Amino acid sequence: MTRSCPWCLEPLPVRQTPPECPHCGSTLGEEGEPKALELRFKKVEAAQAAAYRRLLAWGVPTAAAIAIVMPFVHIGALAVVPLVVAIHLVIVRVMLVRDAQRLLRPMRRLLNRWLARFSFLWIGLPGYGAMTVPVVGVVLGAGTFVVLTSIVNVSTAVSLNRERRGQELASWEKLVPVVLAVLSIGLILLVIGFAAIFGWSAMAIMEKMQAPSG
């Protein structure tokens, strides 16, 4: 398992722990190392809580403003909605949980990231897609921003707390992203199947209409 320097969080050599961090020069293996790691966890947790409040403070009005103009873009909403989902995902990754992710072990970090991606897929697309509905879409768009941001904030905070305590990956940490992945693949296959059936039916109707009568 990889190990990071408790001071600068850069990865350390896997085979052996050097007396000093090759990146920042801090001394390793002494009594101050666990304390440094504990202080870093507390600092990251406090920073994430503050970032969460800031995101909601300006993100909710922004989502509401976008929802107000969405009914007027008509067919353009097909491009705007995925773009809003992607931008929101990048924002929470960079501004909310970037530092916390660095404290997680690789597998927990990977599962946490995929949980966020699937949450944005299953909640973000229909939630932001509802912004095309006048008036009601404003509430749904702002609510979607709150729900998605809160999911990422809570899931990362829980993972960070478990990492801080040195707890191994729980079954639910592994199961939730896997279940969402299976559902996503199933949905994609279902859409492809319906598209194929629709295309085949349309071709059959066209061939029948073009066939000479007699």
Protein backbone atom coordinates (compact mmCIF):
# COMPACT_ATOMS: atom_id res chain seq x y z
CA MET A 1 0.00 0.00 0.00
CA THR A 2 1.35 3.43 -0.89
CA ARG A 3 2.15 5.91 1.86
CA SER A 4 2.31 9.69 1.73
CA CYS A 5 4.39 12.18 3.65
CA PRO A 6 2.23 13.54 6.53
CA TRP A 7 3.66 17.02 5.97
CA CYS A 8 3.47 17.60 2.20
CA LEU A 9 1.33 14.58 1.17
CA GLU A 10 3.72 13.61 -1.61
CA PRO A 11 4.10 9.82 -2.15
CA LEU A 12 6.99 8.12 -0.38
CA PRO A 13 9.08 5.21 -1.71
CA VAL A 14 7.08 1.98 -1.50
CA ARG A 15 9.84 -0.44 -0.47
CA GLN A 16 11.28 1.49 2.47
CA THR A 17 10.55 4.63 4.44
CA PRO A 18 13.44 7.14 4.26
CA PRO A 19 14.48 9.11 7.38
CA GLU A 20 13.46 12.31 5.61
CA CYS A 21 10.85 13.13 3.00
CA PRO A 22 12.62 13.41 -0.38
CA HIS A 23 10.18 16.15 -1.38
CA CYS A 24 9.97 18.56 1.57
CA GLY A 25 12.88 17.37 3.76
CA SER A 26 10.70 16.85 6.87
CA THR A 27 11.82 14.19 9.34
CA LEU A 28 9.79 10.97 9.26
CA GLY A 29 9.14 8.27 11.83
CA GLU A 30 9.23 10.47 14.94
CA GLU A 31 6.55 11.36 17.48
CA GLY A 32 5.62 14.52 15.63
CA GLU A 33 4.58 12.63 12.48
CA PRO A 34 1.22 11.30 13.79
CA LYS A 35 0.45 14.72 15.22
CA ALA A 36 1.21 16.37 11.89
CA LEU A 37 -1.14 13.98 10.12
CA GLU A 38 -3.90 14.57 12.68
CA LEU A 39 -3.58 18.33 12.31
CA ARG A 40 -3.71 18.01 8.54
CA PHE A 41 -6.91 15.97 8.72
CA LYS A 42 -8.51 18.60 10.98
CA LYS A 43 -7.38 21.42 8.70
CA VAL A 44 -8.76 19.70 5.59
CA GLU A 45 -12.07 18.91 7.30
CA ALA A 46 -12.51 22.53 8.40
CA ALA A 47 -11.57 23.83 4.94
CA GLN A 48 -14.06 21.48 3.26
CA ALA A 49 -16.87 22.59 5.58
CA ALA A 50 -16.14 26.24 4.78
CA ALA A 51 -15.92 25.52 1.03
CA TYR A 52 -19.27 23.72 1.19
CA ARG A 53 -20.97 26.77 2.67
CA ARG A 54 -19.38 29.05 0.07
CA LEU A 55 -20.45 26.80 -2.79
CA LEU A 56 -24.05 26.80 -1.64
CA ALA A 57 -23.98 30.58 -1.10
CA TRP A 58 -23.19 31.38 -4.75
CA GLY A 59 -24.06 28.10 -6.47
CA VAL A 60 -27.75 28.04 -5.61
CA PRO A 61 -28.45 31.55 -7.04
CA THR A 62 -26.37 30.68 -10.12
CA ALA A 63 -28.32 27.48 -10.73
CA ALA A 64 -31.58 29.38 -10.30
CA ALA A 65 -30.46 32.03 -12.79
CA ILE A 66 -29.57 29.37 -15.36
CA ALA A 67 -32.94 27.71 -14.79
CA ILE A 68 -34.74 30.98 -15.52
CA VAL A 69 -33.29 31.20 -19.04
CA MET A 70 -33.36 27.46 -19.80
CA PRO A 71 -36.95 27.40 -21.17
CA PHE A 72 -35.87 29.88 -23.83
CA VAL A 73 -32.98 27.84 -25.27
CA HIS A 74 -35.34 25.12 -26.57
CA ILE A 75 -33.37 22.43 -28.43
CA GLY A 76 -30.13 23.94 -27.11
CA ALA A 77 -30.98 22.46 -23.72
CA LEU A 78 -29.74 19.09 -25.02
CA ALA A 79 -26.24 20.55 -24.99
CA VAL A 80 -26.60 22.92 -22.02
CA VAL A 81 -27.77 20.32 -19.49
CA PRO A 82 -24.77 17.93 -19.87
CA LEU A 83 -22.49 20.98 -19.84
CA VAL A 84 -23.98 22.19 -16.54
CA VAL A 85 -23.57 18.71 -15.05
CA ALA A 86 -19.93 18.51 -16.15
CA ILE A 87 -19.09 22.00 -14.87
CA HIS A 88 -20.73 21.31 -11.51
CA LEU A 89 -18.78 18.05 -11.15
CA VAL A 90 -15.48 19.79 -11.90
CA ILE A 91 -16.29 22.59 -9.44
CA VAL A 92 -16.96 20.24 -6.52
CA ARG A 93 -13.88 18.19 -7.37
CA VAL A 94 -11.58 21.24 -7.46
CA MET A 95 -13.11 23.60 -4.92
CA LEU A 96 -14.68 21.21 -2.40
CA VAL A 97 -12.92 17.86 -2.06
CA ARG A 98 -9.55 18.14 -3.82
CA ASP A 99 -7.49 18.33 -0.60
CA ALA A 100 -9.58 15.66 1.13
CA GLN A 101 -9.11 13.27 -1.79
CA ARG A 102 -5.34 13.51 -1.39
CA LEU A 103 -5.62 12.13 2.16
CA LEU A 104 -7.54 9.03 1.08
CA ARG A 105 -5.85 5.79 0.16
CA PRO A 106 -5.97 5.02 -3.59
CA MET A 107 -8.86 2.53 -3.60
CA ARG A 108 -11.04 4.64 -1.30
CA ARG A 109 -10.26 7.70 -3.41
CA LEU A 110 -11.22 5.85 -6.60
CA LEU A 111 -14.50 4.56 -5.18
CA ASN A 112 -15.37 8.00 -3.82
CA ARG A 113 -14.76 9.60 -7.20
CA TRP A 114 -16.94 7.09 -9.01
CA LEU A 115 -19.70 7.52 -6.45
CA ALA A 116 -19.70 11.24 -7.26
CA ARG A 117 -19.71 10.58 -11.03
CA PHE A 118 -22.63 8.19 -10.84
CA SER A 119 -24.54 10.55 -8.54
CA PHE A 120 -24.17 13.31 -11.11
CA LEU A 121 -25.27 10.92 -13.85
CA TRP A 122 -28.40 9.65 -12.09
CA ILE A 123 -29.42 12.86 -10.32
CA GLY A 124 -27.72 15.63 -12.27
CA LEU A 125 -29.03 14.85 -15.76
CA PRO A 126 -32.74 14.55 -14.84
CA GLY A 127 -32.51 17.26 -12.18
CA TYR A 128 -30.88 19.87 -14.40
CA GLY A 129 -32.93 18.63 -17.33
CA ALA A 130 -36.04 19.66 -15.40
CA MET A 131 -34.85 23.27 -15.57
CA THR A 132 -36.48 23.45 -19.01
CA VAL A 133 -39.84 23.59 -17.21
CA PRO A 134 -40.81 27.22 -16.49
CA VAL A 135 -40.99 28.28 -12.81
CA VAL A 136 -40.86 24.76 -11.37
CA GLY A 137 -37.51 24.26 -13.08
CA VAL A 138 -35.98 27.06 -11.01
CA VAL A 139 -36.73 25.19 -7.79
CA LEU A 140 -35.62 21.85 -9.23
CA GLY A 141 -32.39 23.30 -10.64
CA ALA A 142 -31.41 24.96 -7.36
CA GLY A 143 -32.42 21.84 -5.45
CA THR A 144 -30.33 19.65 -7.72
CA PHE A 145 -27.28 21.81 -7.03
CA VAL A 146 -27.84 21.49 -3.28
CA VAL A 147 -28.42 17.73 -3.39
CA LEU A 148 -25.41 16.91 -5.58
CA THR A 149 -23.05 19.19 -3.68
CA SER A 150 -24.26 17.71 -0.38
CA ILE A 151 -23.82 14.13 -1.59
CA VAL A 152 -20.20 14.76 -2.57
CA ASN A 153 -19.55 16.69 0.65
CA VAL A 154 -21.04 14.03 2.95
CA SER A 155 -19.55 11.01 1.16
CA THR A 156 -16.09 12.57 1.17
CA ALA A 157 -16.40 13.64 4.81
CA VAL A 158 -17.38 10.10 5.81
CA SER A 159 -14.50 8.61 3.81
CA LEU A 160 -12.10 11.12 5.31
CA ASN A 161 -13.25 10.29 8.84
CA ARG A 162 -12.82 6.56 8.23
CA GLU A 163 -9.39 7.17 6.75
CA ARG A 164 -8.45 9.27 9.76
CA ARG A 165 -9.35 6.39 12.07
CA GLY A 166 -7.41 3.91 9.95
CA GLN A 167 -10.52 1.87 9.12
CA GLU A 168 -10.46 -0.51 6.18
CA LEU A 169 -12.88 -0.22 3.30
CA ALA A 170 -16.37 -1.21 4.41
CA SER A 171 -18.59 -3.42 2.29
CA TRP A 172 -20.97 -0.56 1.54
CA GLU A 173 -18.08 1.62 0.33
CA LYS A 174 -17.34 -1.00 -2.31
CA LEU A 175 -20.94 -2.01 -3.03
CA VAL A 176 -22.58 1.36 -3.70
CA PRO A 177 -20.36 2.38 -6.67
CA VAL A 178 -20.55 -1.16 -8.09
CA VAL A 179 -24.37 -1.20 -7.94
CA LEU A 180 -24.54 2.21 -9.60
CA ALA A 181 -22.10 1.06 -12.28
CA VAL A 182 -24.24 -2.02 -13.04
CA LEU A 183 -27.39 0.10 -13.21
CA SER A 184 -25.67 2.60 -15.50
CA ILE A 185 -24.44 -0.11 -17.87
CA GLY A 186 -27.90 -1.68 -17.86
CA LEU A 187 -29.51 1.66 -18.68
CA ILE A 188 -27.07 2.27 -21.55
CA LEU A 189 -27.74 -1.20 -22.99
CA LEU A 190 -31.48 -0.62 -22.64
CA VAL A 191 -31.27 2.68 -24.52
CA ILE A 192 -29.18 1.06 -27.25
CA GLY A 193 -31.71 -1.77 -27.51
CA PHE A 194 -34.66 0.61 -27.84
CA ALA A 195 -32.75 2.67 -30.41
CA ALA A 196 -32.00 -0.46 -32.44
CA ILE A 197 -35.63 -1.60 -32.29
CA PHE A 198 -36.86 1.84 -33.27
CA GLY A 199 -34.40 2.04 -36.16
CA TRP A 200 -35.31 -1.43 -37.40
CA SER A 201 -39.03 -0.63 -37.18
CA ALA A 202 -38.57 2.65 -39.05
CA MET A 203 -36.61 0.93 -41.82
CA ALA A 204 -39.25 -1.79 -42.11
CA ILE A 205 -42.04 0.79 -42.42
CA MET A 206 -40.10 2.75 -45.04
CA GLU A 207 -39.41 -0.40 -47.09
CA LYS A 208 -43.06 -1.37 -46.91
CA MET A 209 -44.16 2.10 -48.04
CA GLN A 210 -41.69 2.08 -50.93
CA ALA A 211 -42.61 -1.41 -52.07
CA PRO A 212 -44.69 -1.38 -55.30
CA SER A 213 -48.31 -2.21 -54.73
CA GLY A 214 -49.83 -4.93 -56.73
